[in-house]
Structure formats: C-alpha cells, structure tokens
N, C-alpha and C. Protein backbone atom coordinates (compact mmCIF):
# COMPACT_ATOMS: atom_id res chain seq x y z
N MET A 1 31.25 -4.56 -37.69
CA MET A 1 30.02 -3.89 -37.98
C MET A 1 28.90 -4.55 -37.13
N ARG A 2 28.92 -5.91 -37.04
CA ARG A 2 27.83 -6.56 -36.31
C ARG A 2 27.83 -6.08 -34.81
N ASP A 3 28.99 -6.04 -34.27
CA ASP A 3 29.14 -5.60 -32.84
C ASP A 3 28.52 -4.28 -32.64
N ILE A 4 28.82 -3.34 -33.56
CA ILE A 4 28.19 -1.94 -33.48
C ILE A 4 26.66 -2.00 -33.62
N MET A 5 26.14 -2.75 -34.49
CA MET A 5 24.71 -2.89 -34.61
C MET A 5 24.05 -3.50 -33.39
N ASN A 6 24.81 -4.54 -32.82
CA ASN A 6 24.25 -5.15 -31.53
C ASN A 6 24.26 -4.17 -30.45
N GLN A 7 25.24 -3.38 -30.33
CA GLN A 7 25.31 -2.30 -29.27
C GLN A 7 24.19 -1.26 -29.45
N VAL A 8 23.93 -0.96 -30.71
CA VAL A 8 22.86 0.08 -31.01
C VAL A 8 21.47 -0.56 -30.64
N LEU A 9 21.28 -1.84 -30.95
CA LEU A 9 20.02 -2.48 -30.59
C LEU A 9 19.89 -2.58 -29.08
N MET A 10 21.04 -2.95 -28.41
CA MET A 10 20.95 -3.02 -26.99
C MET A 10 20.62 -1.67 -26.20
N ALA A 11 21.23 -0.68 -26.82
CA ALA A 11 20.93 0.75 -26.27
C ALA A 11 19.53 1.14 -26.55
N GLU A 12 19.02 0.74 -27.59
CA GLU A 12 17.52 1.06 -27.91
C GLU A 12 16.67 0.34 -27.05
N LYS A 13 16.84 -0.93 -26.84
CA LYS A 13 16.08 -1.80 -25.95
C LYS A 13 16.11 -1.36 -24.54
N LYS A 14 17.31 -0.89 -24.02
CA LYS A 14 17.46 -0.32 -22.73
C LYS A 14 16.72 1.01 -22.58
N ALA A 15 16.75 1.81 -23.60
CA ALA A 15 15.94 3.09 -23.60
C ALA A 15 14.48 2.79 -23.53
N GLN A 16 14.05 1.76 -24.32
CA GLN A 16 12.63 1.45 -24.31
C GLN A 16 12.13 0.90 -22.90
N ALA A 17 13.04 0.10 -22.38
CA ALA A 17 12.76 -0.51 -21.02
C ALA A 17 12.63 0.60 -19.97
N ASN A 18 13.62 1.51 -20.04
CA ASN A 18 13.60 2.67 -19.00
C ASN A 18 12.30 3.48 -19.21
N SER A 19 11.96 3.75 -20.42
CA SER A 19 10.75 4.48 -20.71
C SER A 19 9.44 3.82 -20.11
N ILE A 20 9.40 2.56 -20.25
CA ILE A 20 8.26 1.71 -19.79
C ILE A 20 8.35 1.78 -18.27
N MET A 21 9.50 1.62 -17.64
CA MET A 21 9.53 1.64 -16.25
C MET A 21 9.21 3.01 -15.66
N ARG A 22 9.52 4.09 -16.30
CA ARG A 22 9.19 5.40 -15.84
C ARG A 22 7.63 5.53 -15.95
N ARG A 23 7.15 5.14 -17.04
CA ARG A 23 5.61 5.26 -17.25
C ARG A 23 4.93 4.48 -16.15
N GLU A 24 5.35 3.29 -15.89
CA GLU A 24 4.74 2.49 -14.84
C GLU A 24 4.79 3.14 -13.49
N GLU A 25 6.02 3.68 -13.12
CA GLU A 25 6.23 4.36 -11.78
C GLU A 25 5.30 5.61 -11.77
N THR A 26 5.22 6.27 -12.82
CA THR A 26 4.24 7.47 -12.77
C THR A 26 2.81 7.01 -12.57
N ALA A 27 2.36 6.01 -13.22
CA ALA A 27 1.03 5.42 -13.09
C ALA A 27 0.79 4.99 -11.65
N SER A 28 1.87 4.35 -11.04
CA SER A 28 1.65 3.88 -9.69
C SER A 28 1.60 5.00 -8.78
N THR A 29 2.41 6.01 -8.94
CA THR A 29 2.38 7.19 -8.07
C THR A 29 1.14 7.97 -8.24
N ARG A 30 0.56 8.02 -9.42
CA ARG A 30 -0.74 8.71 -9.60
C ARG A 30 -1.78 7.93 -8.88
N SER A 31 -1.83 6.64 -8.93
CA SER A 31 -2.76 5.78 -8.35
C SER A 31 -2.74 5.93 -6.79
N LEU A 32 -1.53 6.01 -6.25
CA LEU A 32 -1.39 6.30 -4.87
C LEU A 32 -1.90 7.57 -4.37
N LEU A 33 -1.67 8.62 -5.24
CA LEU A 33 -2.20 9.96 -4.93
C LEU A 33 -3.69 9.97 -5.00
N ASN A 34 -4.38 9.32 -5.93
CA ASN A 34 -5.76 9.17 -6.12
C ASN A 34 -6.27 8.52 -4.89
N THR A 35 -5.64 7.37 -4.43
CA THR A 35 -6.20 6.67 -3.26
C THR A 35 -6.09 7.57 -2.10
N ALA A 36 -4.96 8.26 -1.89
CA ALA A 36 -4.79 9.15 -0.78
C ALA A 36 -5.86 10.24 -0.72
N LYS A 37 -6.23 10.81 -1.84
CA LYS A 37 -7.29 11.82 -1.93
C LYS A 37 -8.65 11.25 -1.65
N LEU A 38 -9.00 10.09 -2.05
CA LEU A 38 -10.12 9.48 -1.79
C LEU A 38 -10.25 9.23 -0.21
N MET A 39 -9.17 8.71 0.31
CA MET A 39 -9.19 8.40 1.77
C MET A 39 -9.33 9.66 2.60
N GLU A 40 -8.75 10.65 2.17
CA GLU A 40 -8.82 12.01 2.82
C GLU A 40 -10.20 12.50 2.86
N ASP A 41 -10.98 12.25 1.76
CA ASP A 41 -12.40 12.74 1.71
C ASP A 41 -13.46 11.82 2.31
N ASN A 42 -12.98 10.56 2.48
CA ASN A 42 -13.99 9.53 3.03
C ASN A 42 -13.39 8.75 4.15
N GLU A 43 -13.92 9.05 5.33
CA GLU A 43 -13.56 8.41 6.56
C GLU A 43 -13.72 6.93 6.54
N MET A 44 -14.79 6.44 5.85
CA MET A 44 -15.07 5.03 5.73
C MET A 44 -13.98 4.29 5.04
N LEU A 45 -13.50 4.82 3.93
CA LEU A 45 -12.32 4.24 3.27
C LEU A 45 -11.05 4.17 4.10
N TRP A 46 -10.90 5.15 4.81
CA TRP A 46 -9.71 5.17 5.77
C TRP A 46 -9.89 4.05 6.77
N LYS A 47 -11.04 3.80 7.30
CA LYS A 47 -11.28 2.83 8.26
C LYS A 47 -11.07 1.43 7.60
N LEU A 48 -11.58 1.23 6.46
CA LEU A 48 -11.46 -0.01 5.80
C LEU A 48 -10.04 -0.34 5.53
N LYS A 49 -9.20 0.63 5.23
CA LYS A 49 -7.74 0.45 5.01
C LYS A 49 -7.07 0.04 6.27
N GLU A 50 -7.54 0.79 7.35
CA GLU A 50 -6.97 0.51 8.71
C GLU A 50 -7.27 -0.90 9.08
N MET A 51 -8.46 -1.34 8.85
CA MET A 51 -8.87 -2.74 9.18
C MET A 51 -8.18 -3.79 8.34
N GLU A 52 -7.90 -3.41 7.10
CA GLU A 52 -7.06 -4.30 6.22
C GLU A 52 -5.67 -4.53 6.75
N TYR A 53 -5.06 -3.48 7.32
CA TYR A 53 -3.77 -3.63 7.93
C TYR A 53 -3.87 -4.47 9.28
N VAL A 54 -4.91 -4.15 10.07
CA VAL A 54 -5.09 -5.02 11.23
C VAL A 54 -5.22 -6.42 10.95
N GLU A 55 -5.93 -6.85 9.83
CA GLU A 55 -6.04 -8.20 9.41
C GLU A 55 -4.77 -8.82 9.02
N LYS A 56 -3.93 -7.99 8.27
CA LYS A 56 -2.58 -8.48 7.90
C LYS A 56 -1.78 -8.74 9.19
N ILE A 57 -1.82 -7.84 10.14
CA ILE A 57 -1.02 -8.07 11.36
C ILE A 57 -1.60 -9.29 12.08
N ALA A 58 -2.89 -9.47 12.18
CA ALA A 58 -3.50 -10.60 12.93
C ALA A 58 -3.15 -11.88 12.27
N ASP A 59 -3.01 -11.94 10.91
CA ASP A 59 -2.59 -13.13 10.18
C ASP A 59 -1.21 -13.63 10.76
N LYS A 60 -0.45 -12.82 11.18
CA LYS A 60 0.97 -13.16 11.62
C LYS A 60 1.06 -13.50 13.07
N ILE A 61 -0.01 -13.39 13.83
CA ILE A 61 -0.03 -13.69 15.17
C ILE A 61 -0.44 -15.13 15.40
N SER A 62 0.40 -15.90 16.15
CA SER A 62 0.14 -17.30 16.29
C SER A 62 -0.78 -17.56 17.49
N SER A 63 -0.75 -16.75 18.53
CA SER A 63 -1.60 -16.95 19.67
C SER A 63 -1.91 -15.58 20.39
N ILE A 64 -2.98 -15.56 21.07
CA ILE A 64 -3.37 -14.36 21.85
C ILE A 64 -3.77 -14.89 23.12
N SER A 65 -3.25 -14.21 24.18
CA SER A 65 -3.73 -14.42 25.53
C SER A 65 -4.52 -13.28 26.09
N VAL A 66 -5.59 -13.48 26.62
CA VAL A 66 -6.47 -12.35 27.05
C VAL A 66 -6.65 -12.52 28.64
N SER A 67 -6.44 -11.33 29.24
CA SER A 67 -6.71 -11.31 30.74
C SER A 67 -8.11 -10.68 30.89
N ASN A 68 -8.76 -10.95 31.89
CA ASN A 68 -10.16 -10.46 32.14
C ASN A 68 -10.12 -9.25 33.03
N ASP A 69 -9.48 -8.19 32.62
CA ASP A 69 -9.47 -7.00 33.49
C ASP A 69 -10.48 -6.01 32.93
N GLY A 70 -11.22 -6.36 31.94
CA GLY A 70 -12.33 -5.53 31.42
C GLY A 70 -11.98 -4.39 30.53
N SER A 71 -10.69 -4.18 30.33
CA SER A 71 -10.22 -3.05 29.51
C SER A 71 -10.09 -3.42 28.00
N MET A 72 -10.10 -4.67 27.61
CA MET A 72 -9.73 -5.06 26.23
C MET A 72 -10.79 -4.51 25.35
N VAL A 73 -12.03 -4.56 25.74
CA VAL A 73 -13.14 -4.02 24.85
C VAL A 73 -12.98 -2.59 24.70
N ASP A 74 -12.70 -1.82 25.74
CA ASP A 74 -12.41 -0.45 25.65
C ASP A 74 -11.24 -0.08 24.72
N GLN A 75 -10.21 -0.95 24.87
CA GLN A 75 -9.04 -0.67 23.99
C GLN A 75 -9.42 -0.86 22.46
N LEU A 76 -10.12 -1.92 22.25
CA LEU A 76 -10.56 -2.15 20.87
C LEU A 76 -11.48 -0.99 20.36
N LYS A 77 -12.34 -0.58 21.18
CA LYS A 77 -13.20 0.59 20.79
C LYS A 77 -12.32 1.84 20.40
N GLN A 78 -11.33 2.01 21.27
CA GLN A 78 -10.42 3.22 20.95
C GLN A 78 -9.70 3.07 19.66
N LEU A 79 -9.32 1.84 19.39
CA LEU A 79 -8.69 1.60 18.02
C LEU A 79 -9.55 1.88 16.84
N PHE A 80 -10.84 1.44 16.86
CA PHE A 80 -11.72 1.47 15.80
C PHE A 80 -12.71 2.57 15.70
N VAL A 81 -12.86 3.28 16.86
CA VAL A 81 -13.94 4.32 16.93
C VAL A 81 -13.22 5.68 17.09
N ARG A 82 -11.98 5.70 17.19
CA ARG A 82 -11.19 6.85 17.48
C ARG A 82 -11.47 8.06 16.53
N GLY A 83 -11.55 7.71 15.21
CA GLY A 83 -11.76 8.78 14.21
C GLY A 83 -13.11 9.39 14.03
N ARG A 84 -14.12 8.72 14.70
CA ARG A 84 -15.44 9.25 14.61
C ARG A 84 -15.85 10.36 15.51
N LYS A 85 -15.03 10.69 16.44
CA LYS A 85 -15.32 11.74 17.42
C LYS A 85 -15.31 13.08 16.79
C-alpha cells in the first residue's frame, strides 16, 4: 500500500512540475514576443540590442589589428548607421 501511495505522490509532483514548466515557458515566449513587437516599432531599441550583441562579441576578442587604409571608419558607420536610411 505504501508503494502505491508513493507512486501516486510521485505522479502528482511530476504533474505539478510539468505544469510549472509549461507556465514558465509560456511566460518566456510571451516576453520574447513583447520584446520583438517593441523592437519592431522602435528602431532605437533595435540598435541598442544590436550594440549589446556587438559588446558581447567584442568581449571575446583578445586583440585587434587595424590597418590604416581609411575604410575602417566607413565600415563601422555602415554597421551602426545602416538602419537609419
């Protein structure tokens, strides 16, 4: 009888855990959707997110070598000003 009760309790706890996980996944998806809608409507938010990713990438770079051919500034402008046209 004790084994049966333990199995019932385990099944109930698993069901509760699954319910909580589904609720959290739904909340996470809803949050992503809201963020995407905000970014779609606001170019500045899009640029901020883009710069956040550039910062993450830059953190992983150990060294940068720059040649003086004059095009580096133009390339950076293309990266960060592209969406304003």
